[in-house]
Amino acid sequence: MKDYQFLLFDLDDTLLDFKAAEKIALPKLFEAHQLPLTPQIESVYREINSNLWRLLEEGLVTREELMQTRFGKTFEYFGYEVDGRALDAEYRGYLTESKVFVEGAMELIQTLAPQYDLYITSNGLADTQMKRLQVTGLAPYFKGIFVSENTGYQKPMKQFFDYVFDHIPNFDLNKALIIGDSYSADIIGGARAGIDTCWLNPMYVAPPQSIVSTYEISRLDQLLSILKNESHLKSTV
């Protein structure tokens, strides 16, 4: 049985339900400015936002560019002129009002915290993620919170993981496991950084690349049996 000590958790759609938070935040933002939130506008926003986050992961845009442009580009597409940066700040404020967990997340963290060293590794924006961790009551269970904005790098960059490893006392690669829903950020990033990976894959999506996660789960509670019994081991990278 593998003796893990350091568990690195992604946040969005791993512990906190970001889709639920978005369903609260977007309508509030549009309503506050008396702007229409049609299905077409929402679809365009999601595509622009998703592309910008992908470019951020690849190091092709900055966080500031993302915050400046995701709403600006959306409204420009429909012929509106808005202050994209101001709308972004307001939107992120609404995001922090959601307390919806991924099923079983709080129970899992409460169970693991006395036994393991828990850390957050997130690609989100620092002030937003910190507020969400505090509002939901998750923050006290983690010994450290690493958000890409504060590290200067983002997952899957090796520099992000190097920063995290350097800031965890007595860190041991062989005793570390990253748990996350993002194949590109968490699984590829963790594998390239030399640690075991656990892919939360509730929709049973086929891995898009040849890198195979050490473990794969469809529900968070399955992590408990993995930590107790290495017979769940898949193929190594």
C-alpha atoms as a PDB file:
ATOM      1  CA  MET A   1       0.000   0.000   0.000  1.00  0.00           C
ATOM      2  CA  LYS A   2       1.345   3.422  -0.964  1.00  0.00           C
ATOM      3  CA  ASP A   3       1.886   5.767   1.948  1.00  0.00           C
ATOM      4  CA  TYR A   4       0.595   9.166   0.877  1.00  0.00           C
ATOM      5  CA  GLN A   5       1.030  12.169   3.141  1.00  0.00           C
ATOM      6  CA  PHE A   6       0.531  15.248   0.924  1.00  0.00           C
ATOM      7  CA  LEU A   7      -2.827  15.549  -0.843  1.00  0.00           C
ATOM      8  CA  LEU A   8      -3.072  18.413  -3.340  1.00  0.00           C
ATOM      9  CA  PHE A   9      -6.652  19.297  -4.241  1.00  0.00           C
ATOM     10  CA  ASP A  10      -7.860  21.352  -7.150  1.00  0.00           C
ATOM     11  CA  LEU A  11     -10.787  23.594  -6.163  1.00  0.00           C
ATOM     12  CA  ASP A  12     -13.248  24.306  -8.984  1.00  0.00           C
ATOM     13  CA  ASP A  13     -15.389  21.318  -9.939  1.00  0.00           C
ATOM     14  CA  THR A  14     -13.264  19.154  -7.654  1.00  0.00           C
ATOM     15  CA  LEU A  15     -14.381  20.453  -4.254  1.00  0.00           C
ATOM     16  CA  LEU A  16     -16.624  23.405  -5.111  1.00  0.00           C
ATOM     17  CA  ASP A  17     -19.263  23.257  -7.838  1.00  0.00           C
ATOM     18  CA  PHE A  18     -18.170  26.058 -10.150  1.00  0.00           C
ATOM     19  CA  LYS A  19     -21.024  25.480 -12.576  1.00  0.00           C
ATOM     20  CA  ALA A  20     -23.512  26.110  -9.766  1.00  0.00           C
ATOM     21  CA  ALA A  21     -21.648  29.257  -8.759  1.00  0.00           C
ATOM     22  CA  GLU A  22     -21.715  30.467 -12.344  1.00  0.00           C
ATOM     23  CA  LYS A  23     -25.481  29.918 -12.557  1.00  0.00           C
ATOM     24  CA  ILE A  24     -25.847  32.308  -9.636  1.00  0.00           C
ATOM     25  CA  ALA A  25     -23.253  34.888 -10.680  1.00  0.00           C
ATOM     26  CA  LEU A  26     -24.039  35.451 -14.370  1.00  0.00           C
ATOM     27  CA  PRO A  27     -27.753  36.265 -13.995  1.00  0.00           C
ATOM     28  CA  LYS A  28     -27.039  38.580 -11.054  1.00  0.00           C
ATOM     29  CA  LEU A  29     -24.416  40.452 -13.035  1.00  0.00           C
ATOM     30  CA  PHE A  30     -26.639  40.955 -16.056  1.00  0.00           C
ATOM     31  CA  GLU A  31     -29.662  41.858 -13.960  1.00  0.00           C
ATOM     32  CA  ALA A  32     -27.685  44.475 -12.015  1.00  0.00           C
ATOM     33  CA  HIS A  33     -26.859  46.250 -15.276  1.00  0.00           C
ATOM     34  CA  GLN A  34     -30.241  45.690 -16.907  1.00  0.00           C
ATOM     35  CA  LEU A  35     -28.567  43.746 -19.683  1.00  0.00           C
ATOM     36  CA  PRO A  36     -30.148  40.765 -21.434  1.00  0.00           C
ATOM     37  CA  LEU A  37     -28.772  37.327 -20.645  1.00  0.00           C
ATOM     38  CA  THR A  38     -30.034  35.357 -23.609  1.00  0.00           C
ATOM     39  CA  PRO A  39     -28.955  31.764 -24.300  1.00  0.00           C
ATOM     40  CA  GLN A  40     -26.949  33.059 -27.262  1.00  0.00           C
ATOM     41  CA  ILE A  41     -25.069  35.631 -25.173  1.00  0.00           C
ATOM     42  CA  GLU A  42     -24.383  33.044 -22.478  1.00  0.00           C
ATOM     43  CA  SER A  43     -23.076  30.586 -25.066  1.00  0.00           C
ATOM     44  CA  VAL A  44     -20.744  33.186 -26.585  1.00  0.00           C
ATOM     45  CA  TYR A  45     -19.474  34.167 -23.127  1.00  0.00           C
ATOM     46  CA  ARG A  46     -18.751  30.563 -22.163  1.00  0.00           C
ATOM     47  CA  GLU A  47     -16.827  29.947 -25.384  1.00  0.00           C
ATOM     48  CA  ILE A  48     -14.764  33.131 -25.003  1.00  0.00           C
ATOM     49  CA  ASN A  49     -14.106  32.453 -21.322  1.00  0.00           C
ATOM     50  CA  SER A  50     -13.128  28.818 -21.925  1.00  0.00           C
ATOM     51  CA  ASN A  51     -10.721  29.789 -24.702  1.00  0.00           C
ATOM     52  CA  LEU A  52      -9.121  32.469 -22.538  1.00  0.00           C
ATOM     53  CA  TRP A  53      -8.556  30.042 -19.654  1.00  0.00           C
ATOM     54  CA  ARG A  54      -7.015  27.544 -22.083  1.00  0.00           C
ATOM     55  CA  LEU A  55      -4.685  30.261 -23.399  1.00  0.00           C
ATOM     56  CA  LEU A  56      -3.813  31.188 -19.823  1.00  0.00           C
ATOM     57  CA  GLU A  57      -2.854  27.574 -19.075  1.00  0.00           C
ATOM     58  CA  GLU A  58      -0.627  27.659 -22.143  1.00  0.00           C
ATOM     59  CA  GLY A  59       0.957  30.944 -21.061  1.00  0.00           C
ATOM     60  CA  LEU A  60      -0.344  32.808 -24.119  1.00  0.00           C
ATOM     61  CA  VAL A  61      -2.388  35.418 -22.232  1.00  0.00           C
ATOM     62  CA  THR A  62      -2.050  36.981 -18.796  1.00  0.00           C
ATOM     63  CA  ARG A  63      -4.619  36.921 -15.999  1.00  0.00           C
ATOM     64  CA  GLU A  64      -5.110  40.644 -16.441  1.00  0.00           C
ATOM     65  CA  GLU A  65      -5.861  40.158 -20.133  1.00  0.00           C
ATOM     66  CA  LEU A  66      -8.380  37.471 -19.241  1.00  0.00           C
ATOM     67  CA  MET A  67     -10.139  39.711 -16.714  1.00  0.00           C
ATOM     68  CA  GLN A  68     -10.060  42.692 -19.039  1.00  0.00           C
ATOM     69  CA  THR A  69     -11.440  40.935 -22.078  1.00  0.00           C
ATOM     70  CA  ARG A  70     -13.800  38.053 -21.295  1.00  0.00           C
ATOM     71  CA  PHE A  71     -16.819  40.289 -20.758  1.00  0.00           C
ATOM     72  CA  GLY A  72     -15.558  43.025 -23.067  1.00  0.00           C
ATOM     73  CA  LYS A  73     -15.257  40.613 -25.991  1.00  0.00           C
ATOM     74  CA  THR A  74     -18.611  39.043 -25.233  1.00  0.00           C
ATOM     75  CA  PHE A  75     -20.490  42.314 -25.349  1.00  0.00           C
ATOM     76  CA  GLU A  76     -18.461  43.609 -28.276  1.00  0.00           C
ATOM     77  CA  TYR A  77     -19.666  40.572 -30.232  1.00  0.00           C
ATOM     78  CA  PHE A  78     -23.252  41.787 -29.760  1.00  0.00           C
ATOM     79  CA  GLY A  79     -22.511  45.465 -30.350  1.00  0.00           C
ATOM     80  CA  TYR A  80     -22.404  46.634 -26.707  1.00  0.00           C
ATOM     81  CA  GLU A  81     -19.610  48.724 -25.221  1.00  0.00           C
ATOM     82  CA  VAL A  82     -18.881  47.950 -21.555  1.00  0.00           C
ATOM     83  CA  ASP A  83     -16.112  48.261 -18.987  1.00  0.00           C
ATOM     84  CA  GLY A  84     -14.974  44.645 -19.121  1.00  0.00           C
ATOM     85  CA  ARG A  85     -12.637  44.898 -16.127  1.00  0.00           C
ATOM     86  CA  ALA A  86     -15.323  46.395 -13.890  1.00  0.00           C
ATOM     87  CA  LEU A  87     -17.857  43.755 -14.916  1.00  0.00           C
ATOM     88  CA  ASP A  88     -15.314  41.041 -14.225  1.00  0.00           C
ATOM     89  CA  ALA A  89     -14.673  42.303 -10.689  1.00  0.00           C
ATOM     90  CA  GLU A  90     -18.393  42.472  -9.995  1.00  0.00           C
ATOM     91  CA  TYR A  91     -18.944  38.994 -11.446  1.00  0.00           C
ATOM     92  CA  ARG A  92     -16.251  37.483  -9.237  1.00  0.00           C
ATOM     93  CA  GLY A  93     -17.943  39.068  -6.245  1.00  0.00           C
ATOM     94  CA  TYR A  94     -21.139  37.214  -7.095  1.00  0.00           C
ATOM     95  CA  LEU A  95     -19.173  33.991  -7.524  1.00  0.00           C
ATOM     96  CA  THR A  96     -18.154  34.065  -3.884  1.00  0.00           C
ATOM     97  CA  GLU A  97     -21.793  33.911  -2.778  1.00  0.00           C
ATOM     98  CA  SER A  98     -22.173  30.270  -3.830  1.00  0.00           C
ATOM     99  CA  LYS A  99     -21.673  27.600  -1.193  1.00  0.00           C
ATOM    100  CA  VAL A 100     -22.426  24.607  -3.398  1.00  0.00           C
ATOM    101  CA  PHE A 101     -20.007  21.712  -2.952  1.00  0.00           C
ATOM    102  CA  VAL A 102     -19.216  18.889  -5.291  1.00  0.00           C
ATOM    103  CA  GLU A 103     -21.069  15.924  -3.785  1.00  0.00           C
ATOM    104  CA  GLY A 104     -19.239  14.565  -0.751  1.00  0.00           C
ATOM    105  CA  ALA A 105     -16.497  17.210  -0.780  1.00  0.00           C
ATOM    106  CA  MET A 106     -16.857  18.628   2.728  1.00  0.00           C
ATOM    107  CA  GLU A 107     -17.310  15.192   4.274  1.00  0.00           C
ATOM    108  CA  LEU A 108     -14.205  13.941   2.496  1.00  0.00           C
ATOM    109  CA  ILE A 109     -12.058  16.875   3.576  1.00  0.00           C
ATOM    110  CA  GLN A 110     -13.240  16.613   7.181  1.00  0.00           C
ATOM    111  CA  THR A 111     -12.343  12.929   7.168  1.00  0.00           C
ATOM    112  CA  LEU A 112      -8.904  13.414   5.604  1.00  0.00           C
ATOM    113  CA  ALA A 113      -7.723  16.526   7.448  1.00  0.00           C
ATOM    114  CA  PRO A 114      -6.691  14.782  10.695  1.00  0.00           C
ATOM    115  CA  GLN A 115      -4.715  12.140   8.796  1.00  0.00           C
ATOM    116  CA  TYR A 116      -3.052  13.935   5.882  1.00  0.00           C
ATOM    117  CA  ASP A 117      -1.458  17.239   4.948  1.00  0.00           C
ATOM    118  CA  LEU A 118      -4.034  18.899   2.690  1.00  0.00           C
ATOM    119  CA  TYR A 119      -3.271  21.677   0.203  1.00  0.00           C
ATOM    120  CA  ILE A 120      -5.231  23.594  -2.430  1.00  0.00           C
ATOM    121  CA  THR A 121      -3.668  23.978  -5.885  1.00  0.00           C
ATOM    122  CA  SER A 122      -5.885  26.187  -8.042  1.00  0.00           C
ATOM    123  CA  ASN A 123      -5.629  28.055 -11.337  1.00  0.00           C
ATOM    124  CA  GLY A 124      -8.212  30.598 -10.226  1.00  0.00           C
ATOM    125  CA  LEU A 125      -7.827  34.238  -9.210  1.00  0.00           C
ATOM    126  CA  ALA A 126      -6.407  34.622  -5.729  1.00  0.00           C
ATOM    127  CA  ASP A 127      -8.900  36.923  -4.023  1.00  0.00           C
ATOM    128  CA  THR A 128     -11.884  35.053  -5.465  1.00  0.00           C
ATOM    129  CA  GLN A 129     -10.602  31.622  -4.464  1.00  0.00           C
ATOM    130  CA  MET A 130      -9.643  32.737  -0.943  1.00  0.00           C
ATOM    131  CA  LYS A 131     -13.086  34.228  -0.365  1.00  0.00           C
ATOM    132  CA  ARG A 132     -14.799  31.101  -1.651  1.00  0.00           C
ATOM    133  CA  LEU A 133     -12.710  28.899   0.630  1.00  0.00           C
ATOM    134  CA  GLN A 134     -13.570  31.098   3.598  1.00  0.00           C
ATOM    135  CA  VAL A 135     -17.290  31.442   2.799  1.00  0.00           C
ATOM    136  CA  THR A 136     -17.692  27.678   2.415  1.00  0.00           C
ATOM    137  CA  GLY A 137     -15.724  26.876   5.571  1.00  0.00           C
ATOM    138  CA  LEU A 138     -13.092  24.845   3.713  1.00  0.00           C
ATOM    139  CA  ALA A 139     -10.102  27.093   4.426  1.00  0.00           C
ATOM    140  CA  PRO A 140      -9.234  25.852   7.959  1.00  0.00           C
ATOM    141  CA  TYR A 141      -8.779  22.278   6.776  1.00  0.00           C
ATOM    142  CA  PHE A 142      -5.853  23.121   4.483  1.00  0.00           C
ATOM    143  CA  LYS A 143      -2.265  23.667   5.538  1.00  0.00           C
ATOM    144  CA  GLY A 144      -1.576  25.796   2.488  1.00  0.00           C
ATOM    145  CA  ILE A 145      -3.452  27.384  -0.399  1.00  0.00           C
ATOM    146  CA  PHE A 146      -1.608  27.819  -3.695  1.00  0.00           C
ATOM    147  CA  VAL A 147      -3.360  29.882  -6.361  1.00  0.00           C
ATOM    148  CA  SER A 148      -1.692  30.480  -9.706  1.00  0.00           C
ATOM    149  CA  GLU A 149      -1.997  34.258  -9.457  1.00  0.00           C
ATOM    150  CA  ASN A 150       0.212  34.219  -6.347  1.00  0.00           C
ATOM    151  CA  THR A 151       2.738  31.685  -7.595  1.00  0.00           C
ATOM    152  CA  GLY A 152       3.388  33.510 -10.860  1.00  0.00           C
ATOM    153  CA  TYR A 153       2.660  30.353 -12.850  1.00  0.00           C
ATOM    154  CA  GLN A 154      -0.364  28.189 -13.575  1.00  0.00           C
ATOM    155  CA  LYS A 155      -1.029  24.490 -13.890  1.00  0.00           C
ATOM    156  CA  PRO A 156       0.146  22.533 -15.850  1.00  0.00           C
ATOM    157  CA  MET A 157       3.434  24.493 -15.871  1.00  0.00           C
ATOM    158  CA  LYS A 158       6.195  22.678 -14.010  1.00  0.00           C
ATOM    159  CA  GLN A 159       7.153  26.002 -12.425  1.00  0.00           C
ATOM    160  CA  PHE A 160       3.789  26.078 -10.649  1.00  0.00           C
ATOM    161  CA  PHE A 161       4.425  22.668  -9.125  1.00  0.00           C
ATOM    162  CA  ASP A 162       8.041  23.520  -8.289  1.00  0.00           C
ATOM    163  CA  TYR A 163       6.763  26.555  -6.387  1.00  0.00           C
ATOM    164  CA  VAL A 164       4.236  24.432  -4.492  1.00  0.00           C
ATOM    165  CA  PHE A 165       6.770  21.740  -3.635  1.00  0.00           C
ATOM    166  CA  ASP A 166       9.297  24.329  -2.437  1.00  0.00           C
ATOM    167  CA  HIS A 167       6.729  25.838  -0.064  1.00  0.00           C
ATOM    168  CA  ILE A 168       5.524  22.612   1.582  1.00  0.00           C
ATOM    169  CA  PRO A 169       7.611  21.638   4.624  1.00  0.00           C
ATOM    170  CA  ASN A 170       9.437  18.309   4.281  1.00  0.00           C
ATOM    171  CA  PHE A 171       7.761  17.617   0.956  1.00  0.00           C
ATOM    172  CA  ASP A 172       8.335  14.193  -0.591  1.00  0.00           C
ATOM    173  CA  LEU A 173       7.401  13.560  -4.238  1.00  0.00           C
ATOM    174  CA  ASN A 174       6.805   9.889  -3.492  1.00  0.00           C
ATOM    175  CA  LYS A 175       4.215  10.705  -0.835  1.00  0.00           C
ATOM    176  CA  ALA A 176       2.234  13.255  -2.868  1.00  0.00           C
ATOM    177  CA  LEU A 177      -1.009  12.871  -4.791  1.00  0.00           C
ATOM    178  CA  ILE A 178      -2.875  15.530  -6.776  1.00  0.00           C
ATOM    179  CA  ILE A 179      -6.654  15.222  -7.101  1.00  0.00           C
ATOM    180  CA  GLY A 180      -8.456  17.221  -9.767  1.00  0.00           C
ATOM    181  CA  ASP A 181     -11.050  17.251 -12.514  1.00  0.00           C
ATOM    182  CA  SER A 182      -8.927  18.935 -15.172  1.00  0.00           C
ATOM    183  CA  TYR A 183      -7.016  16.463 -17.298  1.00  0.00           C
ATOM    184  CA  SER A 184      -4.862  19.199 -18.852  1.00  0.00           C
ATOM    185  CA  ALA A 185      -4.039  21.099 -15.660  1.00  0.00           C
ATOM    186  CA  ASP A 186      -4.048  18.482 -12.906  1.00  0.00           C
ATOM    187  CA  ILE A 187      -3.234  15.165 -14.557  1.00  0.00           C
ATOM    188  CA  ILE A 188      -0.740  16.297 -17.178  1.00  0.00           C
ATOM    189  CA  GLY A 189       0.718  18.885 -14.818  1.00  0.00           C
ATOM    190  CA  GLY A 190       1.065  16.491 -11.903  1.00  0.00           C
ATOM    191  CA  ALA A 191       2.525  13.716 -14.029  1.00  0.00           C
ATOM    192  CA  ARG A 192       5.140  15.987 -15.559  1.00  0.00           C
ATOM    193  CA  ALA A 193       6.025  17.262 -12.101  1.00  0.00           C
ATOM    194  CA  GLY A 194       6.697  13.712 -10.937  1.00  0.00           C
ATOM    195  CA  ILE A 195       3.797  13.031  -8.566  1.00  0.00           C
ATOM    196  CA  ASP A 196       0.918  10.572  -8.628  1.00  0.00           C
ATOM    197  CA  THR A 197      -2.387  11.823  -9.996  1.00  0.00           C
ATOM    198  CA  CYS A 198      -6.060  11.111  -9.342  1.00  0.00           C
ATOM    199  CA  TRP A 199      -8.490  12.208 -12.047  1.00  0.00           C
ATOM    200  CA  LEU A 200     -12.023  13.042 -10.904  1.00  0.00           C
ATOM    201  CA  ASN A 201     -13.924  12.056 -14.031  1.00  0.00           C
ATOM    202  CA  PRO A 202     -17.656  11.832 -13.238  1.00  0.00           C
ATOM    203  CA  MET A 203     -18.666  11.807 -16.897  1.00  0.00           C
ATOM    204  CA  TYR A 204     -16.258   8.964 -17.805  1.00  0.00           C
ATOM    205  CA  VAL A 205     -14.574  11.036 -20.505  1.00  0.00           C
ATOM    206  CA  ALA A 206     -11.814   9.278 -22.429  1.00  0.00           C
ATOM    207  CA  PRO A 207      -8.384  10.782 -21.707  1.00  0.00           C
ATOM    208  CA  PRO A 208      -7.481  13.102 -24.598  1.00  0.00           C
ATOM    209  CA  GLN A 209      -3.763  12.311 -24.490  1.00  0.00           C
ATOM    210  CA  SER A 210      -1.478   9.359 -23.863  1.00  0.00           C
ATOM    211  CA  ILE A 211      -0.622  10.344 -20.285  1.00  0.00           C
ATOM    212  CA  VAL A 212      -2.632   8.078 -17.993  1.00  0.00           C
ATOM    213  CA  SER A 213      -3.651   9.131 -14.502  1.00  0.00           C
ATOM    214  CA  THR A 214      -2.384   6.982 -11.655  1.00  0.00           C
ATOM    215  CA  TYR A 215      -5.956   6.663 -10.444  1.00  0.00           C
ATOM    216  CA  GLU A 216      -9.337   7.576 -11.854  1.00  0.00           C
ATOM    217  CA  ILE A 217     -12.542   8.100  -9.855  1.00  0.00           C
ATOM    218  CA  SER A 218     -16.066   9.159 -10.693  1.00  0.00           C
ATOM    219  CA  ARG A 219     -16.996  10.209  -7.128  1.00  0.00           C
ATOM    220  CA  LEU A 220     -14.940  11.864  -4.424  1.00  0.00           C
ATOM    221  CA  ASP A 221     -15.705   9.218  -1.810  1.00  0.00           C
ATOM    222  CA  GLN A 222     -13.810   6.683  -3.940  1.00  0.00           C
ATOM    223  CA  LEU A 223     -10.604   8.474  -2.948  1.00  0.00           C
ATOM    224  CA  LEU A 224     -10.874   6.966   0.533  1.00  0.00           C
ATOM    225  CA  SER A 225     -10.528   3.413  -0.732  1.00  0.00           C
ATOM    226  CA  ILE A 226      -7.601   4.443  -2.931  1.00  0.00           C
ATOM    227  CA  LEU A 227      -5.775   5.864   0.069  1.00  0.00           C
ATOM    228  CA  LYS A 228      -6.374   2.637   2.004  1.00  0.00           C
ATOM    229  CA  ASN A 229      -5.698   0.131  -0.756  1.00  0.00           C
ATOM    230  CA  GLU A 230      -3.345   0.498  -3.712  1.00  0.00           C
ATOM    231  CA  SER A 231      -5.150  -2.245  -5.614  1.00  0.00           C
ATOM    232  CA  HIS A 232      -7.017   0.633  -7.334  1.00  0.00           C
ATOM    233  CA  LEU A 233      -3.761   1.558  -9.050  1.00  0.00           C
ATOM    234  CA  LYS A 234      -4.034   1.999 -12.810  1.00  0.00           C
ATOM    235  CA  SER A 235      -1.057   2.235 -15.097  1.00  0.00           C
ATOM    236  CA  THR A 236       1.731   4.627 -14.192  1.00  0.00           C
ATOM    237  CA  VAL A 237       2.804   7.466 -16.449  1.00  0.00           C
END
